[in-house]
Amino acid sequence: MNLKDANSPLMEQLGYFHDWVMLLVIGITCMTLGVLVTKLPIPSYTNTNLKEDQQLEFSWTVLPGLVLLLIGVPSLRILYMLDEIGNPLVALKVVGHQWYWSYEYSDMEDLEFDSYMTKGETPRLLSSDLHVVMPVSTPSRVIVTAADVLHSWTLPTAGIKADCVPGRLNQLMVHFDRPGVFYGQCSEICGSNHSFMPISMDILSKSKFLAWL
């Protein structure tokens, strides 16, 4: 029915953008239905006054352009926010495999591990044996790639959805607002076990994160 509670400034902006676009869409829908309802009772299918109406043609050309402008400007603003989060203090490398995730913290510690889905755990199809851990209120960089086929590393509460492309590195800047456990899934159909490679992320305080390392 709605988006998940945001856990990053980017997701908050995406939520505001979603509400703004829905407001425009509902307004356009109501206006279109209103025109249809008011014009349907006309018995004649021809209106000679509408064959050449420059003002009407100008209006139905300019108004859609204005709507696109109202959608495009906030969208571009959010797009550029991805690279303006500040200097990252933590870097995480994510590698997608058929069908599990590998994580590397190579810039801080020589730490690498694979994360597989666990059977019979709660929440179903979202829990994994090893959680990826990130610090709260810390600008962080996430670098994603794949070892075999296309994957997509997705964490809805943080507004993250990055394509993992074999032989290519994609970079994301993230900033988590509050600690907790958050879940995501692969969002690119990558084979028969596509639905069984979840993402489990623990957001910890800085002191607990350093202790975990």
N, C-alpha and C. Protein backbone atom coordinates (compact mmCIF):
# COMPACT_ATOMS: atom_id res chain seq x y z
N MET A 1 0.82 -1.21 0.00
CA MET A 1 0.00 0.00 0.00
C MET A 1 0.85 1.26 0.00
N ASN A 2 2.08 1.16 0.53
CA ASN A 2 2.94 2.34 0.59
C ASN A 2 4.39 1.89 0.61
N LEU A 3 5.31 2.85 0.58
CA LEU A 3 6.72 2.54 0.64
C LEU A 3 7.13 2.20 2.07
N LYS A 4 8.24 1.49 2.22
CA LYS A 4 8.75 1.18 3.55
C LYS A 4 9.30 2.44 4.21
N ASP A 5 9.37 2.41 5.54
CA ASP A 5 9.92 3.54 6.28
C ASP A 5 11.37 3.77 5.87
N ALA A 6 11.68 5.01 5.55
CA ALA A 6 13.00 5.34 5.03
C ALA A 6 14.07 5.21 6.10
N ASN A 7 15.24 4.76 5.70
CA ASN A 7 16.39 4.68 6.60
C ASN A 7 17.61 5.38 6.00
N SER A 8 17.36 6.32 5.10
CA SER A 8 18.45 7.10 4.51
C SER A 8 17.86 8.39 3.94
N PRO A 9 18.66 9.45 3.86
CA PRO A 9 18.15 10.69 3.26
C PRO A 9 17.67 10.49 1.83
N LEU A 10 18.33 9.62 1.08
CA LEU A 10 17.92 9.37 -0.30
C LEU A 10 16.52 8.76 -0.36
N MET A 11 16.24 7.79 0.51
CA MET A 11 14.93 7.16 0.51
C MET A 11 13.85 8.14 0.95
N GLU A 12 14.18 9.05 1.86
CA GLU A 12 13.22 10.08 2.26
C GLU A 12 12.84 10.95 1.06
N GLN A 13 13.84 11.35 0.29
CA GLN A 13 13.56 12.17 -0.89
C GLN A 13 12.77 11.38 -1.93
N LEU A 14 13.07 10.09 -2.07
CA LEU A 14 12.30 9.26 -3.00
C LEU A 14 10.84 9.15 -2.56
N GLY A 15 10.60 9.09 -1.25
CA GLY A 15 9.24 9.06 -0.74
C GLY A 15 8.49 10.35 -1.05
N TYR A 16 9.16 11.49 -0.85
CA TYR A 16 8.53 12.78 -1.19
C TYR A 16 8.24 12.87 -2.69
N PHE A 17 9.19 12.38 -3.49
CA PHE A 17 9.01 12.42 -4.94
C PHE A 17 7.84 11.53 -5.36
N HIS A 18 7.72 10.37 -4.74
CA HIS A 18 6.60 9.47 -5.03
C HIS A 18 5.26 10.16 -4.73
N ASP A 19 5.16 10.83 -3.57
CA ASP A 19 3.92 11.51 -3.21
C ASP A 19 3.61 12.64 -4.20
N TRP A 20 4.64 13.36 -4.62
CA TRP A 20 4.45 14.47 -5.55
C TRP A 20 3.94 13.96 -6.91
N VAL A 21 4.53 12.89 -7.41
CA VAL A 21 4.11 12.33 -8.70
C VAL A 21 2.69 11.78 -8.59
N MET A 22 2.36 11.12 -7.48
CA MET A 22 1.00 10.60 -7.31
C MET A 22 -0.02 11.74 -7.28
N LEU A 23 0.36 12.88 -6.69
CA LEU A 23 -0.53 14.04 -6.67
C LEU A 23 -0.80 14.54 -8.10
N LEU A 24 0.25 14.60 -8.91
CA LEU A 24 0.07 15.03 -10.30
C LEU A 24 -0.78 14.02 -11.08
N VAL A 25 -0.50 12.73 -10.88
CA VAL A 25 -1.25 11.70 -11.62
C VAL A 25 -2.73 11.72 -11.25
N ILE A 26 -3.03 11.87 -9.95
CA ILE A 26 -4.43 11.92 -9.52
C ILE A 26 -5.12 13.16 -10.08
N GLY A 27 -4.41 14.30 -10.10
CA GLY A 27 -4.99 15.51 -10.67
C GLY A 27 -5.30 15.37 -12.15
N ILE A 28 -4.36 14.77 -12.90
CA ILE A 28 -4.58 14.57 -14.35
C ILE A 28 -5.74 13.61 -14.57
N THR A 29 -5.81 12.55 -13.76
CA THR A 29 -6.89 11.58 -13.90
C THR A 29 -8.25 12.22 -13.64
N CYS A 30 -8.34 13.01 -12.56
CA CYS A 30 -9.61 13.66 -12.24
C CYS A 30 -10.01 14.66 -13.33
N MET A 31 -9.05 15.41 -13.85
CA MET A 31 -9.36 16.37 -14.90
C MET A 31 -9.84 15.67 -16.17
N THR A 32 -9.17 14.57 -16.54
CA THR A 32 -9.57 13.83 -17.73
C THR A 32 -10.96 13.23 -17.58
N LEU A 33 -11.23 12.62 -16.41
CA LEU A 33 -12.56 12.06 -16.18
C LEU A 33 -13.63 13.15 -16.17
N GLY A 34 -13.28 14.33 -15.61
CA GLY A 34 -14.23 15.44 -15.60
C GLY A 34 -14.60 15.90 -17.01
N VAL A 35 -13.59 16.00 -17.88
CA VAL A 35 -13.85 16.39 -19.27
C VAL A 35 -14.71 15.35 -19.97
N LEU A 36 -14.42 14.07 -19.75
CA LEU A 36 -15.22 13.01 -20.38
C LEU A 36 -16.67 13.04 -19.92
N VAL A 37 -16.87 13.23 -18.62
CA VAL A 37 -18.23 13.24 -18.09
C VAL A 37 -19.02 14.42 -18.60
N THR A 38 -18.39 15.59 -18.69
CA THR A 38 -19.13 16.79 -19.13
C THR A 38 -19.37 16.80 -20.62
N LYS A 39 -18.56 16.12 -21.40
CA LYS A 39 -18.71 16.15 -22.86
C LYS A 39 -19.50 14.97 -23.41
N LEU A 40 -19.67 13.90 -22.65
CA LEU A 40 -20.38 12.72 -23.17
C LEU A 40 -21.84 13.00 -23.55
N PRO A 41 -22.59 13.85 -22.82
CA PRO A 41 -24.00 14.04 -23.20
C PRO A 41 -24.22 14.75 -24.53
N ILE A 42 -23.18 15.32 -25.14
CA ILE A 42 -23.37 16.03 -26.42
C ILE A 42 -23.82 15.03 -27.48
N PRO A 43 -24.96 15.24 -28.12
CA PRO A 43 -25.45 14.26 -29.09
C PRO A 43 -24.65 14.21 -30.39
N SER A 44 -24.09 15.33 -30.78
CA SER A 44 -23.37 15.38 -32.05
C SER A 44 -21.90 15.00 -31.84
N TYR A 45 -21.35 14.28 -32.84
CA TYR A 45 -19.94 13.89 -32.77
C TYR A 45 -19.03 14.94 -33.41
N THR A 46 -19.58 16.02 -33.91
CA THR A 46 -18.80 17.05 -34.59
C THR A 46 -19.07 18.40 -33.94
N ASN A 47 -18.00 19.11 -33.67
CA ASN A 47 -18.10 20.46 -33.13
C ASN A 47 -17.28 21.37 -34.03
N THR A 48 -17.96 22.21 -34.80
CA THR A 48 -17.25 23.04 -35.78
C THR A 48 -16.32 24.04 -35.13
N ASN A 49 -16.58 24.39 -33.89
CA ASN A 49 -15.73 25.37 -33.22
C ASN A 49 -14.38 24.79 -32.79
N LEU A 50 -14.24 23.47 -32.84
CA LEU A 50 -13.00 22.83 -32.41
C LEU A 50 -12.13 22.36 -33.56
N LYS A 51 -12.51 22.67 -34.79
CA LYS A 51 -11.70 22.21 -35.92
C LYS A 51 -10.39 22.97 -36.00
N GLU A 52 -10.42 24.27 -35.71
CA GLU A 52 -9.19 25.06 -35.68
C GLU A 52 -9.26 25.97 -34.47
N ASP A 53 -8.56 25.57 -33.43
CA ASP A 53 -8.52 26.36 -32.21
C ASP A 53 -7.07 26.41 -31.74
N GLN A 54 -6.39 27.49 -32.09
CA GLN A 54 -4.97 27.60 -31.79
C GLN A 54 -4.70 27.63 -30.28
N GLN A 55 -5.59 28.29 -29.55
CA GLN A 55 -5.39 28.36 -28.11
C GLN A 55 -5.51 26.98 -27.47
N LEU A 56 -6.48 26.18 -27.94
CA LEU A 56 -6.64 24.84 -27.39
C LEU A 56 -5.44 23.96 -27.73
N GLU A 57 -4.97 24.02 -28.97
CA GLU A 57 -3.80 23.23 -29.36
C GLU A 57 -2.56 23.67 -28.59
N PHE A 58 -2.42 24.97 -28.37
CA PHE A 58 -1.29 25.47 -27.58
C PHE A 58 -1.36 24.94 -26.15
N SER A 59 -2.58 24.92 -25.60
CA SER A 59 -2.75 24.47 -24.21
C SER A 59 -2.41 23.00 -24.05
N TRP A 60 -2.94 22.15 -24.98
CA TRP A 60 -2.68 20.72 -24.77
C TRP A 60 -1.28 20.30 -25.23
N THR A 61 -0.51 21.26 -25.73
CA THR A 61 0.91 21.00 -25.98
C THR A 61 1.77 21.48 -24.81
N VAL A 62 1.43 22.65 -24.26
CA VAL A 62 2.24 23.23 -23.19
C VAL A 62 1.99 22.54 -21.85
N LEU A 63 0.74 22.21 -21.55
CA LEU A 63 0.44 21.62 -20.25
C LEU A 63 1.15 20.28 -20.02
N PRO A 64 1.16 19.34 -20.99
CA PRO A 64 1.96 18.12 -20.75
C PRO A 64 3.44 18.40 -20.58
N GLY A 65 3.96 19.38 -21.32
CA GLY A 65 5.37 19.74 -21.14
C GLY A 65 5.63 20.28 -19.75
N LEU A 66 4.68 21.06 -19.22
CA LEU A 66 4.82 21.58 -17.86
C LEU A 66 4.79 20.45 -16.83
N VAL A 67 3.92 19.46 -17.06
CA VAL A 67 3.85 18.31 -16.15
C VAL A 67 5.17 17.54 -16.16
N LEU A 68 5.72 17.33 -17.35
CA LEU A 68 7.01 16.63 -17.44
C LEU A 68 8.12 17.41 -16.75
N LEU A 69 8.06 18.73 -16.83
CA LEU A 69 9.05 19.56 -16.15
C LEU A 69 8.92 19.43 -14.63
N LEU A 70 7.68 19.40 -14.14
CA LEU A 70 7.44 19.26 -12.70
C LEU A 70 7.90 17.90 -12.18
N ILE A 71 7.93 16.91 -13.05
CA ILE A 71 8.41 15.59 -12.65
C ILE A 71 9.92 15.47 -12.86
N GLY A 72 10.43 16.04 -13.96
CA GLY A 72 11.83 15.86 -14.32
C GLY A 72 12.81 16.57 -13.40
N VAL A 73 12.47 17.80 -12.96
CA VAL A 73 13.41 18.57 -12.13
C VAL A 73 13.67 17.88 -10.78
N PRO A 74 12.63 17.48 -10.03
CA PRO A 74 12.92 16.75 -8.78
C PRO A 74 13.63 15.41 -9.01
N SER A 75 13.30 14.75 -10.12
CA SER A 75 13.93 13.47 -10.41
C SER A 75 15.43 13.64 -10.64
N LEU A 76 15.82 14.65 -11.40
CA LEU A 76 17.25 14.90 -11.63
C LEU A 76 17.95 15.31 -10.34
N ARG A 77 17.26 16.06 -9.49
CA ARG A 77 17.84 16.46 -8.21
C ARG A 77 18.18 15.25 -7.36
N ILE A 78 17.26 14.29 -7.30
CA ILE A 78 17.51 13.08 -6.52
C ILE A 78 18.63 12.27 -7.15
N LEU A 79 18.67 12.23 -8.49
CA LEU A 79 19.71 11.48 -9.18
C LEU A 79 21.09 12.00 -8.81
N TYR A 80 21.26 13.32 -8.76
CA TYR A 80 22.56 13.89 -8.45
C TYR A 80 22.88 13.80 -6.95
N MET A 81 21.87 13.57 -6.12
CA MET A 81 22.14 13.38 -4.69
C MET A 81 22.95 12.12 -4.43
N LEU A 82 22.91 11.16 -5.36
CA LEU A 82 23.64 9.91 -5.17
C LEU A 82 25.14 10.13 -5.02
N ASP A 83 25.67 11.18 -5.63
CA ASP A 83 27.11 11.43 -5.59
C ASP A 83 27.49 12.58 -4.67
N GLU A 84 26.54 13.11 -3.90
CA GLU A 84 26.81 14.28 -3.08
C GLU A 84 26.64 14.00 -1.60
N ILE A 85 26.89 12.77 -1.19
CA ILE A 85 26.65 12.40 0.20
C ILE A 85 27.85 12.68 1.08
N GLY A 86 28.98 13.03 0.50
CA GLY A 86 30.18 13.32 1.28
C GLY A 86 31.27 12.29 1.05
N ASN A 87 32.40 12.51 1.73
CA ASN A 87 33.53 11.59 1.60
C ASN A 87 33.23 10.29 2.36
N PRO A 88 33.26 9.16 1.68
CA PRO A 88 32.93 7.89 2.36
C PRO A 88 34.02 7.47 3.34
N LEU A 89 33.59 6.99 4.50
CA LEU A 89 34.51 6.49 5.51
C LEU A 89 34.61 4.97 5.51
N VAL A 90 33.62 4.32 4.91
CA VAL A 90 33.59 2.85 4.85
C VAL A 90 33.28 2.45 3.42
N ALA A 91 33.95 1.44 2.93
CA ALA A 91 33.70 0.91 1.59
C ALA A 91 33.35 -0.57 1.69
N LEU A 92 32.30 -0.95 0.98
CA LEU A 92 31.86 -2.34 0.94
C LEU A 92 31.77 -2.77 -0.51
N LYS A 93 32.37 -3.91 -0.82
CA LYS A 93 32.27 -4.47 -2.16
C LYS A 93 31.32 -5.66 -2.13
N VAL A 94 30.35 -5.64 -3.06
CA VAL A 94 29.34 -6.70 -3.14
C VAL A 94 29.49 -7.41 -4.48
N VAL A 95 29.57 -8.74 -4.45
CA VAL A 95 29.68 -9.54 -5.67
C VAL A 95 28.51 -10.52 -5.70
N GLY A 96 27.73 -10.47 -6.77
CA GLY A 96 26.61 -11.38 -6.92
C GLY A 96 27.02 -12.66 -7.62
N HIS A 97 26.55 -13.78 -7.09
CA HIS A 97 26.82 -15.10 -7.67
C HIS A 97 25.49 -15.83 -7.84
N GLN A 98 25.50 -16.86 -8.64
CA GLN A 98 24.35 -17.77 -8.69
C GLN A 98 24.53 -18.83 -7.60
N TRP A 99 23.84 -18.76 -6.45
CA TRP A 99 22.86 -17.77 -6.09
C TRP A 99 23.12 -17.37 -4.65
N TYR A 100 24.09 -16.50 -4.44
CA TYR A 100 24.45 -16.00 -3.12
C TYR A 100 25.22 -14.70 -3.32
N TRP A 101 25.49 -14.01 -2.20
CA TRP A 101 26.23 -12.75 -2.24
C TRP A 101 27.58 -12.92 -1.55
N SER A 102 28.59 -12.26 -2.08
CA SER A 102 29.90 -12.18 -1.43
C SER A 102 30.16 -10.73 -1.03
N TYR A 103 30.75 -10.54 0.15
CA TYR A 103 31.02 -9.21 0.67
C TYR A 103 32.49 -9.09 1.04
N GLU A 104 33.06 -7.91 0.76
CA GLU A 104 34.46 -7.64 1.05
C GLU A 104 34.61 -6.27 1.72
N TYR A 105 35.37 -6.24 2.82
CA TYR A 105 35.74 -4.98 3.49
C TYR A 105 37.25 -4.81 3.35
N SER A 106 37.71 -4.75 2.15
CA SER A 106 39.15 -4.82 1.90
C SER A 106 39.91 -3.57 2.29
N ASP A 107 39.24 -2.40 2.41
CA ASP A 107 39.97 -1.17 2.72
C ASP A 107 40.20 -1.00 4.22
N MET A 108 39.43 -1.73 5.08
CA MET A 108 39.59 -1.60 6.52
C MET A 108 40.25 -2.84 7.13
N GLU A 109 39.72 -3.98 6.78
CA GLU A 109 40.26 -5.25 7.25
C GLU A 109 40.24 -6.24 6.09
N ASP A 110 41.08 -7.23 6.17
CA ASP A 110 41.07 -8.28 5.16
C ASP A 110 39.92 -9.25 5.49
N LEU A 111 38.71 -8.76 5.26
CA LEU A 111 37.51 -9.49 5.67
C LEU A 111 36.66 -9.78 4.44
N GLU A 112 36.42 -11.05 4.18
CA GLU A 112 35.56 -11.48 3.08
C GLU A 112 34.70 -12.64 3.56
N PHE A 113 33.46 -12.68 3.11
CA PHE A 113 32.60 -13.81 3.46
C PHE A 113 31.47 -13.92 2.44
N ASP A 114 30.88 -15.10 2.37
CA ASP A 114 29.73 -15.38 1.50
C ASP A 114 28.47 -15.46 2.36
N SER A 115 27.38 -14.99 1.82
CA SER A 115 26.11 -14.96 2.55
C SER A 115 25.08 -15.77 1.78
N TYR A 116 24.55 -16.81 2.43
CA TYR A 116 23.55 -17.70 1.82
C TYR A 116 22.23 -17.58 2.58
N MET A 117 21.15 -17.86 1.88
CA MET A 117 19.84 -17.88 2.52
C MET A 117 19.76 -19.05 3.50
N THR A 118 19.11 -18.81 4.65
CA THR A 118 18.91 -19.86 5.64
C THR A 118 17.50 -20.41 5.54
N LYS A 119 17.37 -21.70 5.74
CA LYS A 119 16.09 -22.38 5.60
C LYS A 119 15.35 -22.41 6.93
N GLY A 120 14.06 -22.09 6.85
CA GLY A 120 13.22 -22.16 8.04
C GLY A 120 13.36 -21.00 8.99
N GLU A 121 14.10 -19.97 8.63
CA GLU A 121 14.27 -18.82 9.50
C GLU A 121 13.20 -17.77 9.22
N THR A 122 13.01 -16.88 10.18
CA THR A 122 12.08 -15.77 10.04
C THR A 122 12.86 -14.47 9.91
N PRO A 123 12.52 -13.59 8.98
CA PRO A 123 11.44 -13.69 7.99
C PRO A 123 11.78 -14.65 6.85
N ARG A 124 10.75 -15.28 6.33
CA ARG A 124 10.92 -16.30 5.30
C ARG A 124 11.49 -15.70 4.02
N LEU A 125 12.47 -16.39 3.44
CA LEU A 125 13.13 -16.01 2.19
C LEU A 125 13.90 -14.70 2.28
N LEU A 126 14.08 -14.15 3.49
CA LEU A 126 14.82 -12.90 3.63
C LEU A 126 16.02 -13.02 4.57
N SER A 127 16.07 -14.07 5.36
CA SER A 127 17.17 -14.22 6.32
C SER A 127 18.34 -14.96 5.68
N SER A 128 19.54 -14.60 6.11
CA SER A 128 20.76 -15.24 5.60
C SER A 128 21.64 -15.63 6.76
N ASP A 129 22.58 -16.54 6.50
CA ASP A 129 23.41 -17.04 7.58
C ASP A 129 24.39 -16.00 8.11
N LEU A 130 24.94 -15.16 7.23
CA LEU A 130 25.84 -14.09 7.63
C LEU A 130 25.28 -12.76 7.14
N HIS A 131 25.17 -11.81 8.06
CA HIS A 131 24.63 -10.50 7.72
C HIS A 131 25.77 -9.55 7.32
N VAL A 132 25.49 -8.71 6.35
CA VAL A 132 26.43 -7.63 6.05
C VAL A 132 26.20 -6.53 7.08
N VAL A 133 27.27 -5.91 7.56
CA VAL A 133 27.20 -4.95 8.66
C VAL A 133 27.75 -3.61 8.19
N MET A 134 27.01 -2.52 8.52
CA MET A 134 27.44 -1.18 8.18
C MET A 134 27.19 -0.26 9.37
N PRO A 135 27.97 0.82 9.51
CA PRO A 135 27.78 1.75 10.64
C PRO A 135 26.68 2.76 10.35
N VAL A 136 26.03 3.23 11.41
CA VAL A 136 24.97 4.22 11.29
C VAL A 136 25.58 5.62 11.20
N SER A 137 24.88 6.52 10.54
CA SER A 137 25.27 7.94 10.44
C SER A 137 26.69 8.11 9.92
N THR A 138 27.07 7.29 8.96
CA THR A 138 28.42 7.33 8.39
C THR A 138 28.33 7.26 6.87
N PRO A 139 28.88 8.25 6.16
CA PRO A 139 28.90 8.15 4.69
C PRO A 139 29.68 6.92 4.26
N SER A 140 29.06 6.12 3.42
CA SER A 140 29.67 4.85 3.02
C SER A 140 29.55 4.66 1.51
N ARG A 141 30.51 3.91 0.98
CA ARG A 141 30.51 3.58 -0.45
C ARG A 141 30.24 2.09 -0.61
N VAL A 142 29.33 1.77 -1.52
CA VAL A 142 29.04 0.37 -1.86
C VAL A 142 29.38 0.17 -3.33
N ILE A 143 30.26 -0.78 -3.61
CA ILE A 143 30.66 -1.10 -4.98
C ILE A 143 30.09 -2.47 -5.32
N VAL A 144 29.33 -2.56 -6.39
CA VAL A 144 28.65 -3.81 -6.72
C VAL A 144 29.12 -4.31 -8.09
N THR A 145 29.20 -5.62 -8.21
CA THR A 145 29.52 -6.27 -9.47
C THR A 145 28.97 -7.69 -9.41
N ALA A 146 29.20 -8.47 -10.45
CA ALA A 146 28.71 -9.85 -10.51
C ALA A 146 29.81 -10.74 -11.06
N ALA A 147 29.75 -12.01 -10.68
CA ALA A 147 30.76 -12.98 -11.13
C ALA A 147 30.29 -13.82 -12.30
N ASP A 148 29.00 -13.84 -12.57
CA ASP A 148 28.50 -14.74 -13.63
C ASP A 148 27.46 -14.07 -14.52
N VAL A 149 26.28 -13.75 -13.97
CA VAL A 149 25.21 -13.16 -14.76
C VAL A 149 24.76 -11.86 -14.08
N LEU A 150 23.79 -11.18 -14.68
CA LEU A 150 23.27 -9.94 -14.09
C LEU A 150 22.53 -10.23 -12.78
N HIS A 151 22.84 -9.44 -11.76
CA HIS A 151 22.10 -9.44 -10.50
C HIS A 151 21.74 -7.99 -10.18
N SER A 152 20.96 -7.81 -9.12
CA SER A 152 20.62 -6.46 -8.68
C SER A 152 20.57 -6.44 -7.16
N TRP A 153 21.47 -5.68 -6.56
CA TRP A 153 21.55 -5.59 -5.09
C TRP A 153 20.59 -4.49 -4.63
N THR A 154 19.53 -4.90 -3.92
CA THR A 154 18.43 -4.00 -3.61
C THR A 154 18.14 -3.99 -2.12
N LEU A 155 18.08 -2.80 -1.55
CA LEU A 155 17.71 -2.60 -0.16
C LEU A 155 16.67 -1.47 -0.12
N PRO A 156 15.38 -1.82 -0.10
CA PRO A 156 14.32 -0.80 -0.26
C PRO A 156 14.34 0.31 0.79
N THR A 157 14.61 -0.01 2.06
CA THR A 157 14.55 1.02 3.10
C THR A 157 15.62 2.09 2.92
N ALA A 158 16.68 1.78 2.20
CA ALA A 158 17.75 2.75 1.95
C ALA A 158 17.67 3.37 0.56
N GLY A 159 16.68 2.97 -0.22
CA GLY A 159 16.56 3.51 -1.58
C GLY A 159 17.66 3.03 -2.50
N ILE A 160 18.14 1.80 -2.28
CA ILE A 160 19.25 1.26 -3.06
C ILE A 160 18.73 0.20 -4.02
N LYS A 161 19.08 0.33 -5.26
CA LYS A 161 18.82 -0.71 -6.26
C LYS A 161 19.88 -0.56 -7.33
N ALA A 162 20.91 -1.40 -7.26
CA ALA A 162 22.06 -1.26 -8.15
C ALA A 162 22.25 -2.53 -8.96
N ASP A 163 22.42 -2.37 -10.27
CA ASP A 163 22.68 -3.51 -11.14
C ASP A 163 24.10 -4.02 -10.94
N CYS A 164 24.22 -5.32 -10.79
CA CYS A 164 25.52 -5.97 -10.68
C CYS A 164 25.84 -6.60 -12.03
N VAL A 165 26.78 -6.00 -12.74
CA VAL A 165 27.10 -6.40 -14.10
C VAL A 165 28.47 -7.08 -14.12
N PRO A 166 28.58 -8.27 -14.70
CA PRO A 166 29.89 -8.94 -14.77
C PRO A 166 30.93 -8.09 -15.50
N GLY A 167 32.10 -7.95 -14.91
CA GLY A 167 33.17 -7.18 -15.52
C GLY A 167 33.05 -5.68 -15.37
N ARG A 168 32.07 -5.21 -14.58
CA ARG A 168 31.88 -3.77 -14.41
C ARG A 168 31.58 -3.46 -12.95
N LEU A 169 32.11 -2.34 -12.46
CA LEU A 169 31.87 -1.90 -11.09
C LEU A 169 30.89 -0.74 -11.08
N ASN A 170 29.82 -0.88 -10.31
CA ASN A 170 28.88 0.22 -10.09
C ASN A 170 29.03 0.72 -8.66
N GLN A 171 29.00 2.03 -8.49
CA GLN A 171 29.26 2.63 -7.19
C GLN A 171 28.01 3.32 -6.66
N LEU A 172 27.76 3.15 -5.36
CA LEU A 172 26.66 3.81 -4.67
C LEU A 172 27.20 4.50 -3.43
N MET A 173 26.60 5.63 -3.08
CA MET A 173 26.90 6.30 -1.83
C MET A 173 25.68 6.18 -0.93
N VAL A 174 25.89 5.70 0.30
CA VAL A 174 24.77 5.46 1.21
C VAL A 174 25.05 6.11 2.56
N HIS A 175 23.97 6.39 3.28
CA HIS A 175 24.06 6.99 4.61
C HIS A 175 22.84 6.52 5.37
N PHE A 176 23.05 5.71 6.41
CA PHE A 176 21.94 5.14 7.15
C PHE A 176 21.61 6.00 8.37
N ASP A 177 20.31 6.24 8.58
CA ASP A 177 19.87 7.16 9.63
C ASP A 177 19.73 6.51 10.99
N ARG A 178 19.39 5.23 11.04
CA ARG A 178 19.11 4.61 12.33
C ARG A 178 19.57 3.16 12.32
N PRO A 179 19.93 2.62 13.48
CA PRO A 179 20.36 1.22 13.54
C PRO A 179 19.18 0.27 13.43
N GLY A 180 19.49 -0.98 13.15
CA GLY A 180 18.45 -2.00 13.03
C GLY A 180 18.86 -3.07 12.05
N VAL A 181 17.95 -3.98 11.79
CA VAL A 181 18.15 -5.06 10.82
C VAL A 181 17.21 -4.81 9.65
N PHE A 182 17.77 -4.79 8.45
CA PHE A 182 16.99 -4.48 7.25
C PHE A 182 17.25 -5.55 6.19
N TYR A 183 16.25 -5.74 5.34
CA TYR A 183 16.30 -6.84 4.40
C TYR A 183 16.07 -6.35 2.97
N GLY A 184 16.65 -7.11 2.03
CA GLY A 184 16.45 -6.85 0.62
C GLY A 184 16.58 -8.16 -0.15
N GLN A 185 16.47 -8.07 -1.46
CA GLN A 185 16.56 -9.25 -2.31
C GLN A 185 17.18 -8.86 -3.64
N CYS A 186 17.61 -9.86 -4.38
CA CYS A 186 18.04 -9.64 -5.75
C CYS A 186 16.83 -9.25 -6.59
N SER A 187 16.95 -8.19 -7.36
CA SER A 187 15.82 -7.68 -8.14
C SER A 187 16.03 -7.83 -9.65
N GLU A 188 16.94 -8.69 -10.04
CA GLU A 188 17.17 -8.99 -11.45
C GLU A 188 17.08 -10.50 -11.62
N ILE A 189 16.19 -10.94 -12.51
CA ILE A 189 16.00 -12.38 -12.70
C ILE A 189 17.32 -12.99 -13.18
N CYS A 190 17.93 -13.82 -12.32
CA CYS A 190 19.29 -14.30 -12.59
C CYS A 190 19.36 -15.82 -12.69
N GLY A 191 18.23 -16.48 -12.77
CA GLY A 191 18.24 -17.93 -12.91
C GLY A 191 17.19 -18.59 -12.04
N SER A 192 17.29 -19.90 -11.93
CA SER A 192 16.24 -20.67 -11.26
C SER A 192 16.13 -20.37 -9.77
N ASN A 193 17.23 -20.00 -9.13
CA ASN A 193 17.20 -19.69 -7.69
C ASN A 193 17.27 -18.19 -7.42
N HIS A 194 16.74 -17.42 -8.34
CA HIS A 194 16.75 -15.96 -8.21
C HIS A 194 16.09 -15.50 -6.91
N SER A 195 15.02 -16.17 -6.49
CA SER A 195 14.26 -15.75 -5.30
C SER A 195 14.91 -16.18 -4.01
N PHE A 196 16.05 -16.84 -4.07
CA PHE A 196 16.65 -17.42 -2.87
C PHE A 196 18.04 -16.86 -2.58
N MET A 197 18.24 -15.58 -2.87
CA MET A 197 19.50 -14.92 -2.51
C MET A 197 19.18 -13.58 -1.84
N PRO A 198 18.73 -13.65 -0.57
CA PRO A 198 18.33 -12.43 0.13
C PRO A 198 19.52 -11.61 0.61
N ILE A 199 19.22 -10.41 1.05
CA ILE A 199 20.21 -9.50 1.64
C ILE A 199 19.76 -9.20 3.06
N SER A 200 20.59 -9.51 4.03
CA SER A 200 20.33 -9.20 5.44
C SER A 200 21.41 -8.23 5.91
N MET A 201 20.99 -7.04 6.34
CA MET A 201 21.96 -6.01 6.72
C MET A 201 21.71 -5.55 8.15
N ASP A 202 22.77 -5.55 8.93
CA ASP A 202 22.74 -5.00 10.30
C ASP A 202 23.36 -3.61 10.28
N ILE A 203 22.62 -2.61 10.72
CA ILE A 203 23.15 -1.26 10.88
C ILE A 203 23.44 -1.07 12.36
N LEU A 204 24.73 -0.89 12.69
CA LEU A 204 25.17 -0.79 14.07
C LEU A 204 25.75 0.59 14.36
N SER A 205 25.88 0.90 15.65
CA SER A 205 26.60 2.12 16.03
C SER A 205 28.07 1.98 15.63
N LYS A 206 28.76 3.10 15.59
CA LYS A 206 30.14 3.07 15.14
C LYS A 206 31.02 2.20 16.05
N SER A 207 30.79 2.30 17.36
CA SER A 207 31.60 1.50 18.28
C SER A 207 31.34 0.01 18.10
N LYS A 208 30.07 -0.37 17.93
CA LYS A 208 29.75 -1.78 17.72
C LYS A 208 30.26 -2.27 16.37
N PHE A 209 30.25 -1.37 15.38
CA PHE A 209 30.77 -1.76 14.07
C PHE A 209 32.27 -2.05 14.13
N LEU A 210 33.01 -1.19 14.83
CA LEU A 210 34.45 -1.40 14.97
C LEU A 210 34.73 -2.66 15.77
N ALA A 211 33.89 -2.92 16.79
CA ALA A 211 34.07 -4.16 17.55
C ALA A 211 33.78 -5.38 16.69
N TRP A 212 32.80 -5.28 15.82
CA TRP A 212 32.48 -6.40 14.91
C TRP A 212 33.64 -6.65 13.96
N LEU A 213 34.25 -5.59 13.45
CA LEU A 213 35.40 -5.76 12.56
C LEU A 213 36.55 -6.49 13.28
